[in-house]
């Protein structure tokens, strides 16, 4: 128990992350902005990822010291003692760590003894089958038939928090889940839900994590509806905690992207944490090759461009600057420059390092599509240069692009150009398209007035 170690960066990233540190990635490091919104146990993998990047000994020593300060308040006494030994270049373990280790083991033994009865009851199928959705009735049933008290239920909460502090995240998740089944204390139940979410993240149970994300969201919407400031703070926390499954669990990508674009959460991002736009932009761009719903993707891209335009004065980095250059300024040279910088930034970001290659690939497609839409005759060499590709590689790229997107274009190998056919819509078709939106808005307004 005392010799547990925190969850590593490699365990969460499943070995897919790259550790590259450059001047640009250091200038755009978001760690100082992310840390205030994360639990200390969730911060550790980010610090370990940082220590895995190239750096001098003084930097690594600073990171080790930060790890020590971060975890010394926890019950992972053996690991904290090893950090102290590393910092002080000593083989001896101070008496305070030995004493705290003994205290932790004693408390563990006491908790195990005091929760054994209720833990056995909640593991008994014959007992669980008699429980209902009414927690008060459940407590009454357990009290009458098995002698369970409120104090015994609260002990599950305390024991779960203790296990979490010891780094035993799977046990913590189990205990906190049992507590939620019975507790009528809303504040503690909410705290237990956050604790279980953190525990599931640290054990990389991503499918369970997404269930907990939805439970936390529902709790924020229902239990804090009369406290807008608390809702803002809790949504900010949830946004940051959701970054862990966002890029580490493929099925979560679409779900969390939709969550972030929902009115309450996009308002929270714009108000309290505009740096999250980096992750939202990366998700939308990399979703290009994944999504089957073209209409939904175009809407998300349009919403992203709008928010990047609005928040440019408040926050920007090479990732959001790429969006601005391509879709707001229509500056292809600047877009290529920002794409190169964005690649470095992504490789140095804990959450995005594994998605760097997919981002660059999708971004090149977006540059190509935009370039082809506004030019009729395209020089292959010029477009290849804008994409950062060699001439031969650029030819293959453009051929694949025309085939995949079904653009109306012809490749002239002799001239080294691509001829794009952009048929103009008739005036009548333009009028029809423009009046579609007006008709829909008029219908909605009429329905609202009728009510």
Protein backbone atom coordinates (compact mmCIF):
# COMPACT_ATOMS: atom_id res chain seq x y z
CA UNK A 1 0.00 0.00 0.00
CA UNK A 2 2.67 2.55 1.03
CA UNK A 3 4.90 1.48 -1.85
CA UNK A 4 2.38 2.42 -4.55
CA UNK A 5 3.69 4.75 -7.23
CA UNK A 6 1.64 7.36 -9.11
CA UNK A 7 0.27 6.54 -12.55
CA UNK A 8 2.95 7.19 -15.16
CA UNK A 9 2.64 9.21 -18.34
CA UNK A 10 3.42 6.08 -20.36
CA UNK A 11 0.54 4.18 -18.77
CA UNK A 12 -1.98 6.86 -19.73
CA UNK A 13 -0.56 7.50 -23.21
CA UNK A 14 -0.07 3.76 -23.79
CA UNK A 15 3.45 4.41 -25.05
CA UNK A 16 2.23 6.51 -28.00
CA UNK A 17 3.41 9.93 -26.81
CA UNK A 18 6.55 11.55 -28.14
CA UNK A 19 8.87 13.52 -25.90
CA UNK A 20 10.22 16.45 -27.90
CA UNK A 21 11.20 19.74 -26.36
CA UNK A 22 11.88 22.77 -28.58
CA UNK A 23 12.00 26.49 -28.03
CA UNK A 24 8.57 26.92 -29.62
CA UNK A 25 6.97 24.15 -27.52
CA UNK A 26 8.49 25.65 -24.35
CA UNK A 27 7.17 29.11 -25.22
CA UNK A 28 3.68 27.66 -25.67
CA UNK A 29 3.75 25.29 -22.69
CA UNK A 30 0.28 25.19 -21.08
CA UNK A 31 1.31 23.31 -17.93
CA UNK A 32 1.16 26.40 -15.67
CA UNK A 33 -2.40 27.07 -16.89
CA UNK A 34 -3.55 23.44 -16.57
CA UNK A 35 -2.17 22.64 -13.10
CA UNK A 36 -4.57 24.87 -11.06
CA UNK A 37 -7.54 22.93 -12.47
CA UNK A 38 -6.24 19.39 -11.88
CA UNK A 39 -5.99 17.15 -8.83
CA UNK A 40 -2.43 16.55 -7.59
CA UNK A 41 -2.56 12.90 -8.67
CA UNK A 42 -3.60 13.94 -12.19
CA UNK A 43 -0.75 16.44 -12.36
CA UNK A 44 1.92 13.79 -11.80
CA UNK A 45 1.70 12.17 -15.30
CA UNK A 46 2.16 15.62 -16.85
CA UNK A 47 5.29 16.23 -14.77
CA UNK A 48 6.67 12.82 -15.69
CA UNK A 49 6.05 13.53 -19.37
CA UNK A 50 7.94 16.80 -18.93
CA UNK A 51 10.87 15.04 -17.25
CA UNK A 52 11.06 12.63 -20.19
CA UNK A 53 11.81 15.49 -22.57
CA UNK A 54 15.34 16.59 -23.31
CA UNK A 55 16.70 18.94 -20.68
CA UNK A 56 19.70 19.65 -18.50
CA UNK A 57 20.25 18.18 -15.04
CA UNK A 58 19.08 21.34 -13.27
CA UNK A 59 15.72 21.13 -15.07
CA UNK A 60 15.30 17.47 -14.13
CA UNK A 61 16.17 18.30 -10.52
CA UNK A 62 13.53 21.04 -10.50
CA UNK A 63 10.94 18.58 -11.82
CA UNK A 64 11.89 16.01 -9.17
CA UNK A 65 11.55 18.68 -6.49
CA UNK A 66 8.13 19.62 -7.88
CA UNK A 67 7.07 15.96 -7.74
CA UNK A 68 8.23 15.78 -4.14
CA UNK A 69 6.31 18.93 -3.12
CA UNK A 70 3.27 17.68 -5.02
CA UNK A 71 3.10 14.25 -3.37
CA UNK A 72 4.53 14.75 0.10
CA UNK A 73 1.02 15.40 1.45
CA UNK A 74 -0.17 12.02 0.15
CA UNK A 75 0.21 8.59 1.78
CA UNK A 76 2.57 7.20 -0.88
CA UNK A 77 5.34 7.33 1.70
CA UNK A 78 7.80 4.94 0.05
CA UNK A 79 7.73 6.79 -3.28
CA UNK A 80 7.98 10.20 -1.59
CA UNK A 81 10.93 8.91 0.46
CA UNK A 82 12.65 7.79 -2.77
CA UNK A 83 12.17 11.29 -4.21
CA UNK A 84 13.73 12.76 -1.04
CA UNK A 85 16.71 10.41 -1.38
CA UNK A 86 17.15 11.45 -5.02
CA UNK A 87 17.02 15.15 -4.17
CA UNK A 88 19.45 14.82 -1.27
CA UNK A 89 21.68 12.19 -2.90
CA UNK A 90 21.30 9.95 0.14
CA UNK A 91 20.70 6.25 0.76
CA UNK A 92 19.23 6.89 4.20
CA UNK A 93 15.51 7.36 4.80
CA UNK A 94 14.57 10.06 7.36
CA UNK A 95 12.73 8.90 10.48
CA UNK A 96 9.65 10.96 9.59
CA UNK A 97 8.99 8.77 6.53
CA UNK A 98 9.43 5.56 8.54
CA UNK A 99 7.02 6.86 11.18
CA UNK A 100 4.45 7.99 8.61
CA UNK A 101 4.67 4.60 6.87
CA UNK A 102 3.78 2.82 10.11
CA UNK A 103 0.86 5.22 10.70
CA UNK A 104 -0.47 4.59 7.18
CA UNK A 105 -0.34 0.81 7.68
CA UNK A 106 -2.13 1.11 11.03
CA UNK A 107 -4.90 3.27 9.54
CA UNK A 108 -5.21 0.87 6.63
CA UNK A 109 -5.71 -2.04 9.02
CA UNK A 110 -8.29 -0.05 11.00
CA UNK A 111 -10.24 0.99 7.88
CA UNK A 112 -10.27 -2.58 6.58
CA UNK A 113 -11.68 -3.86 9.86
CA UNK A 114 -14.34 -1.13 10.18
CA UNK A 115 -15.63 -1.45 6.61
CA UNK A 116 -15.45 -5.24 6.27
CA UNK A 117 -19.12 -5.79 7.21
CA UNK A 118 -20.67 -3.28 4.81
CA UNK A 119 -18.23 -4.22 2.05
CA UNK A 120 -19.28 -7.87 2.33
CA UNK A 121 -22.96 -6.89 2.29
CA UNK A 122 -22.58 -4.81 -0.88
CA UNK A 123 -20.74 -7.71 -2.52
CA UNK A 124 -23.60 -10.10 -1.73
CA UNK A 125 -25.95 -10.42 -4.71
CA UNK A 126 -28.88 -11.39 -2.50
CA UNK A 127 -28.53 -8.09 -0.61
CA UNK A 128 -27.86 -5.93 -3.66
CA UNK A 129 -30.92 -7.33 -5.46
CA UNK A 130 -33.14 -5.85 -2.72
CA UNK A 131 -31.75 -2.33 -3.15
CA UNK A 132 -33.81 0.26 -5.02
CA UNK A 133 -33.23 3.74 -6.44
CA UNK A 134 -34.53 5.28 -3.19
CA UNK A 135 -31.43 5.71 -1.01
CA UNK A 136 -33.44 6.43 2.15
CA UNK A 137 -35.34 3.18 1.72
CA UNK A 138 -32.10 1.32 1.05
CA UNK A 139 -30.55 2.62 4.26
CA UNK A 140 -33.66 1.69 6.19
CA UNK A 141 -33.56 -1.84 4.72
CA UNK A 142 -29.87 -2.32 5.54
CA UNK A 143 -30.29 -0.86 9.02
CA UNK A 144 -33.27 -3.07 9.85
CA UNK A 145 -31.96 -6.32 8.38
CA UNK A 146 -28.19 -5.99 8.68
CA UNK A 147 -27.46 -3.33 11.30
CA UNK A 148 -25.87 -0.85 8.87
CA UNK A 149 -25.58 2.73 10.18
CA UNK A 150 -24.91 6.12 8.58
CA UNK A 151 -21.48 6.09 10.21
CA UNK A 152 -20.61 2.83 8.47
CA UNK A 153 -21.61 4.31 5.11
CA UNK A 154 -19.50 7.42 5.75
CA UNK A 155 -16.59 5.15 6.60
CA UNK A 156 -16.65 3.91 2.98
CA UNK A 157 -16.12 7.51 1.87
CA UNK A 158 -13.22 8.06 4.26
CA UNK A 159 -11.64 4.74 3.32
CA UNK A 160 -11.99 5.53 -0.40
CA UNK A 161 -10.25 8.87 0.05
CA UNK A 162 -7.51 7.16 2.07
CA UNK A 163 -6.95 4.54 -0.64
CA UNK A 164 -6.79 7.32 -3.24
CA UNK A 165 -4.18 9.16 -1.20
CA UNK A 166 -2.16 5.93 -1.05
CA UNK A 167 -2.24 5.65 -4.83
CA UNK A 168 -4.49 2.57 -4.78
CA UNK A 169 -6.83 4.00 -7.40
CA UNK A 170 -8.75 0.83 -8.30
CA UNK A 171 -9.68 0.22 -4.64
CA UNK A 172 -10.59 3.89 -4.25
CA UNK A 173 -12.94 3.74 -7.26
CA UNK A 174 -14.64 0.63 -5.83
CA UNK A 175 -15.17 2.12 -2.37
CA UNK A 176 -16.38 5.51 -3.60
CA UNK A 177 -18.84 3.81 -5.94
CA UNK A 178 -20.23 1.75 -3.06
CA UNK A 179 -20.56 4.92 -0.99
CA UNK A 180 -22.57 6.67 -3.73
CA UNK A 181 -25.05 3.80 -3.83
CA UNK A 182 -26.13 4.45 -0.24
CA UNK A 183 -25.22 8.01 0.75
CA UNK A 184 -27.91 10.67 1.07
CA UNK A 185 -25.29 13.39 1.64
CA UNK A 186 -25.30 15.30 -1.67
CA UNK A 187 -22.02 17.12 -1.03
CA UNK A 188 -20.14 13.93 -0.20
CA UNK A 189 -21.77 12.07 -3.08
CA UNK A 190 -20.61 14.79 -5.48
CA UNK A 191 -17.12 14.65 -4.02
CA UNK A 192 -17.15 10.85 -4.38
CA UNK A 193 -18.12 11.19 -8.04
CA UNK A 194 -15.15 13.47 -8.70
CA UNK A 195 -12.92 11.05 -6.79
CA UNK A 196 -14.13 8.09 -8.81
CA UNK A 197 -13.63 10.01 -12.05
CA UNK A 198 -10.01 10.74 -11.08
CA UNK A 199 -9.45 7.11 -10.02
CA UNK A 200 -10.83 5.77 -13.30
CA UNK A 201 -8.66 8.19 -15.29
CA UNK A 202 -5.55 7.03 -13.42
CA UNK A 203 -6.41 3.38 -14.02
CA UNK A 204 -7.16 4.21 -17.70
CA UNK A 205 -10.67 2.72 -17.57
CA UNK A 206 -11.74 4.99 -20.41
CA UNK A 207 -15.20 3.55 -21.04
CA UNK A 208 -16.02 3.98 -17.33
CA UNK A 209 -14.43 7.44 -17.39
CA UNK A 210 -16.91 8.60 -20.02
CA UNK A 211 -19.80 7.37 -17.87
CA UNK A 212 -18.42 9.37 -14.95
CA UNK A 213 -17.95 12.46 -17.12
CA UNK A 214 -21.66 12.34 -17.95
CA UNK A 215 -22.55 11.89 -14.26
CA UNK A 216 -20.44 14.90 -13.26
CA UNK A 217 -21.98 16.99 -16.05
CA UNK A 218 -25.48 16.03 -14.90
CA UNK A 219 -24.57 16.86 -11.31
CA UNK A 220 -23.32 20.31 -12.36
CA UNK A 221 -26.49 21.01 -14.35
CA UNK A 222 -28.94 19.85 -11.66
CA UNK A 223 -27.37 20.36 -8.24
CA UNK A 224 -25.70 23.71 -8.94
CA UNK A 225 -28.41 25.28 -11.12
CA UNK A 226 -28.91 28.15 -8.63
CA UNK A 227 -25.18 28.92 -8.31
CA UNK A 228 -23.79 30.12 -11.68
CA UNK A 229 -20.32 30.84 -10.28
CA UNK A 230 -19.99 27.30 -8.89
CA UNK A 231 -21.24 25.92 -12.20
CA UNK A 232 -18.55 27.89 -14.03
CA UNK A 233 -15.82 26.57 -11.75
CA UNK A 234 -16.98 22.96 -11.87
CA UNK A 235 -17.36 23.03 -15.65
CA UNK A 236 -13.82 24.41 -15.89
CA UNK A 237 -12.56 21.46 -13.83
CA UNK A 238 -14.54 18.97 -15.91
CA UNK A 239 -13.17 20.42 -19.15
CA UNK A 240 -9.60 19.96 -17.94
CA UNK A 241 -10.18 16.47 -16.54
CA UNK A 242 -11.89 15.45 -19.80
CA UNK A 243 -8.64 16.09 -21.69
CA UNK A 244 -7.34 12.72 -20.45
CA UNK A 245 -9.86 10.56 -22.37
CA UNK A 246 -10.17 13.18 -25.14
CA UNK A 247 -7.07 12.06 -27.04
CA UNK A 248 -6.44 8.68 -25.39
CA UNK A 249 -9.76 6.99 -26.12
CA UNK A 250 -10.99 7.05 -29.70
CA UNK A 251 -14.77 6.72 -28.97
CA UNK A 252 -14.55 9.72 -26.61
CA UNK A 253 -13.32 12.14 -29.28
CA UNK A 254 -16.69 12.88 -30.88
CA UNK A 255 -18.57 12.87 -27.58
CA UNK A 256 -16.26 15.33 -25.84
CA UNK A 257 -16.00 17.55 -28.92
CA UNK A 258 -19.79 17.87 -28.90
CA UNK A 259 -19.70 18.54 -25.15
CA UNK A 260 -17.14 21.35 -25.57
CA UNK A 261 -19.17 22.94 -28.37
CA UNK A 262 -22.40 22.91 -26.33
CA UNK A 263 -23.45 26.47 -25.35
CA UNK A 264 -22.65 26.20 -21.62
CA UNK A 265 -19.22 24.65 -22.14
CA UNK A 266 -18.07 26.84 -25.03
CA UNK A 267 -19.06 29.84 -22.89
CA UNK A 268 -17.00 28.40 -20.03
CA UNK A 269 -14.00 27.96 -22.34
CA UNK A 270 -14.27 31.52 -23.63
CA UNK A 271 -14.77 32.95 -20.14
CA UNK A 272 -12.46 30.92 -17.94
CA UNK A 273 -10.00 28.84 -19.97
CA UNK A 274 -9.48 30.02 -23.59
CA UNK A 275 -6.30 27.90 -23.84
CA UNK A 276 -8.56 24.86 -24.24
CA UNK A 277 -9.09 26.12 -27.81
CA UNK A 278 -5.78 24.42 -28.67
CA UNK A 279 -7.28 21.01 -27.82
CA UNK A 280 -10.62 21.78 -29.43
CA UNK A 281 -8.91 22.92 -32.63
CA UNK A 282 -6.70 19.81 -32.69
CA UNK A 283 -9.76 17.60 -32.18
CA UNK A 284 -11.78 19.25 -34.95
CA UNK A 285 -8.91 19.11 -37.44
CA UNK A 286 -8.00 15.49 -36.71
CA UNK A 287 -11.71 14.57 -36.86
CA UNK A 288 -11.64 15.41 -40.56
CA UNK A 289 -10.54 11.91 -41.54
CA UNK A 290 -12.69 10.20 -38.91
CA UNK A 291 -16.13 11.74 -39.11
CA UNK A 292 -18.74 10.39 -41.49
CA UNK A 293 -21.12 13.30 -40.95
CA UNK A 294 -19.75 16.00 -43.27
CA UNK A 295 -22.46 18.47 -42.27
CA UNK A 296 -21.64 18.14 -38.58
CA UNK A 297 -17.92 18.49 -39.26
CA UNK A 298 -18.44 21.66 -41.31
CA UNK A 299 -20.58 23.12 -38.52
CA UNK A 300 -17.90 22.36 -35.92
CA UNK A 301 -15.23 23.88 -38.15
CA UNK A 302 -17.35 26.99 -38.68
CA UNK A 303 -17.97 27.30 -34.91
CA UNK A 304 -14.25 26.84 -34.23
CA UNK A 305 -13.30 29.59 -36.68
CA UNK A 306 -15.85 31.90 -35.05
CA UNK A 307 -14.51 31.29 -31.53
CA UNK A 308 -10.86 31.60 -32.63
CA UNK A 309 -11.72 34.93 -34.24
CA UNK A 310 -13.49 36.15 -31.09
CA UNK A 311 -10.82 35.01 -28.63
CA UNK A 312 -7.74 35.97 -30.66
CA UNK A 313 -7.12 38.97 -28.40
CA UNK A 314 -7.27 36.77 -25.29
CA UNK A 315 -5.38 33.66 -26.35
CA UNK A 316 -3.52 32.33 -29.37
CA UNK A 317 -0.81 29.80 -30.13
CA UNK A 318 0.49 28.18 -33.34
CA UNK A 319 -2.50 25.80 -33.45
CA UNK A 320 -5.14 28.54 -33.28
CA UNK A 321 -2.94 30.80 -35.45
CA UNK A 322 -3.06 28.09 -38.13
CA UNK A 323 -6.87 28.25 -38.07
CA UNK A 324 -6.73 32.05 -38.28
CA UNK A 325 -4.25 32.09 -41.16
CA UNK A 326 -6.18 29.51 -43.21
CA UNK A 327 -9.82 30.44 -42.61
CA UNK A 328 -9.79 34.09 -41.52
CA UNK A 329 -6.80 35.68 -43.28
CA UNK A 330 -6.62 33.15 -46.16
CA UNK A 331 -2.84 33.45 -45.97
CA UNK A 332 -1.47 30.12 -47.19
CA UNK A 333 2.18 30.96 -46.58
CA UNK A 334 1.42 31.92 -42.98
CA UNK A 335 -0.72 28.78 -42.59
CA UNK A 336 2.23 26.60 -43.68
CA UNK A 337 4.54 28.41 -41.27
CA UNK A 338 2.09 28.01 -38.39
CA UNK A 339 1.55 24.35 -39.25
CA UNK A 340 5.27 23.68 -38.81
CA UNK A 341 5.22 25.47 -35.46
CA UNK A 342 2.01 23.70 -34.43
CA UNK A 343 3.62 20.31 -35.08
CA UNK A 344 6.40 21.16 -32.62
CA UNK A 345 3.90 22.43 -30.06
CA UNK A 346 1.78 19.28 -30.31
CA UNK A 347 4.77 16.97 -29.91
CA UNK A 348 5.66 18.80 -26.69
CA UNK A 349 2.10 18.67 -25.29
CA UNK A 350 1.20 15.74 -23.00
CA UNK A 351 -2.34 15.41 -24.33
CA UNK A 352 -1.59 16.00 -28.02
CA UNK A 353 1.81 14.35 -28.57
CA UNK A 354 0.27 11.13 -29.91
CA UNK A 355 -1.99 13.08 -32.31
CA UNK A 356 0.74 15.25 -33.88
CA UNK A 357 1.13 13.23 -37.10
CA UNK A 358 -2.62 12.89 -37.61
CA UNK A 359 -2.99 16.67 -37.09
CA UNK A 360 -0.36 17.52 -39.72
CA UNK A 361 -1.87 15.08 -42.21
CA UNK A 362 -5.39 16.47 -41.76
CA UNK A 363 -4.15 20.09 -41.79
CA UNK A 364 -2.42 19.54 -45.14
CA UNK A 365 -5.70 18.27 -46.58
CA UNK A 366 -7.47 21.40 -45.33
CA UNK A 367 -4.80 23.67 -46.87
CA UNK A 368 -5.09 21.79 -50.17
CA UNK A 369 -8.88 21.92 -50.22
CA UNK A 370 -8.98 25.64 -49.49
CA UNK A 371 -6.27 26.35 -52.06
CA UNK A 372 -8.04 24.33 -54.76
CA UNK A 373 -11.37 26.02 -54.10
CA UNK A 374 -10.07 29.53 -54.82
CA UNK A 375 -7.68 28.76 -57.71
CA UNK A 376 -8.50 27.50 -61.19
CA UNK A 377 -4.96 26.67 -62.34
CA UNK A 378 -2.66 25.32 -59.63
CA UNK A 379 1.08 24.90 -59.94
CA UNK A 380 1.96 21.52 -58.38
CA UNK A 381 5.40 22.74 -57.32
CA UNK A 382 3.96 25.80 -55.60
CA UNK A 383 1.29 23.81 -53.75
CA UNK A 384 3.84 21.14 -52.74
CA UNK A 385 6.03 23.88 -51.28
CA UNK A 386 3.10 25.29 -49.31
CA UNK A 387 2.45 21.80 -47.94
CA UNK A 388 6.09 21.25 -47.04
CA UNK A 389 6.42 18.34 -49.50
CA UNK A 390 8.82 17.40 -52.26
CA UNK A 391 7.60 17.73 -55.88
CA UNK A 392 7.06 13.99 -56.44
CA UNK A 393 5.41 13.54 -53.07
CA UNK A 394 3.26 16.59 -53.76
CA UNK A 395 1.99 15.08 -57.03
CA UNK A 396 0.89 11.90 -55.26
CA UNK A 397 -0.70 13.98 -52.53
CA UNK A 398 -2.76 16.06 -54.98
CA UNK A 399 -3.88 13.00 -56.96
CA UNK A 400 -5.07 11.32 -53.75
CA UNK A 401 -6.77 14.55 -52.64
CA UNK A 402 -8.74 14.88 -55.89
CA UNK A 403 -9.74 11.22 -55.71
CA UNK A 404 -10.73 11.27 -52.01
CA UNK A 405 -12.65 14.56 -52.09
CA UNK A 406 -14.09 13.97 -55.59
CA UNK A 407 -13.02 17.41 -56.75
CA UNK A 408 -13.52 18.22 -60.43
CA UNK A 409 -9.88 18.60 -61.44
CA UNK A 410 -7.47 17.40 -64.13
CA UNK A 411 -3.74 16.85 -63.70
CA UNK A 412 -1.47 18.09 -66.50
CA UNK A 413 1.86 16.33 -66.01
CA UNK A 414 3.57 18.16 -68.90
CA UNK A 415 2.76 21.61 -67.52
CA UNK A 416 3.04 20.49 -63.91
CA UNK A 417 -0.34 21.98 -63.11
CA UNK A 418 -3.83 21.02 -61.99
CA UNK A 419 -6.85 22.52 -63.71
CA UNK A 420 -9.84 22.91 -61.39
CA UNK A 421 -13.39 23.20 -62.69
CA UNK A 422 -15.52 25.47 -60.52
CA UNK A 423 -18.99 25.61 -62.07
CA UNK A 424 -20.85 28.71 -60.97
CA UNK A 425 -24.30 28.35 -59.44
CA UNK A 426 -27.10 29.95 -61.38
CA UNK A 427 -28.71 33.09 -59.99
CA UNK A 428 -31.88 31.12 -59.30
CA UNK A 429 -30.02 28.48 -57.31
CA UNK A 430 -28.28 31.18 -55.26
CA UNK A 431 -31.63 32.78 -54.44
CA UNK A 432 -33.05 29.40 -53.37
CA UNK A 433 -30.09 28.66 -51.12
CA UNK A 434 -30.24 32.09 -49.46
CA UNK A 435 -33.99 31.95 -48.84
CA UNK A 436 -33.84 28.46 -47.25
CA UNK A 437 -32.39 29.86 -44.03
CA UNK A 438 -34.81 32.79 -43.96
CA UNK A 439 -37.80 30.49 -44.40
CA UNK A 440 -36.63 28.24 -41.54
CA UNK A 441 -36.05 31.19 -39.17
CA UNK A 442 -39.45 32.63 -40.08
CA UNK A 443 -41.12 29.28 -39.31
CA UNK A 444 -39.38 29.07 -35.93
CA UNK A 445 -40.36 32.66 -35.08
CA UNK A 446 -43.98 32.05 -36.07
CA UNK A 447 -44.14 28.92 -33.91
CA UNK A 448 -42.69 30.85 -30.96
CA UNK A 449 -45.20 33.69 -31.35
CA UNK A 450 -48.06 31.17 -31.62
CA UNK A 451 -47.15 29.76 -28.21
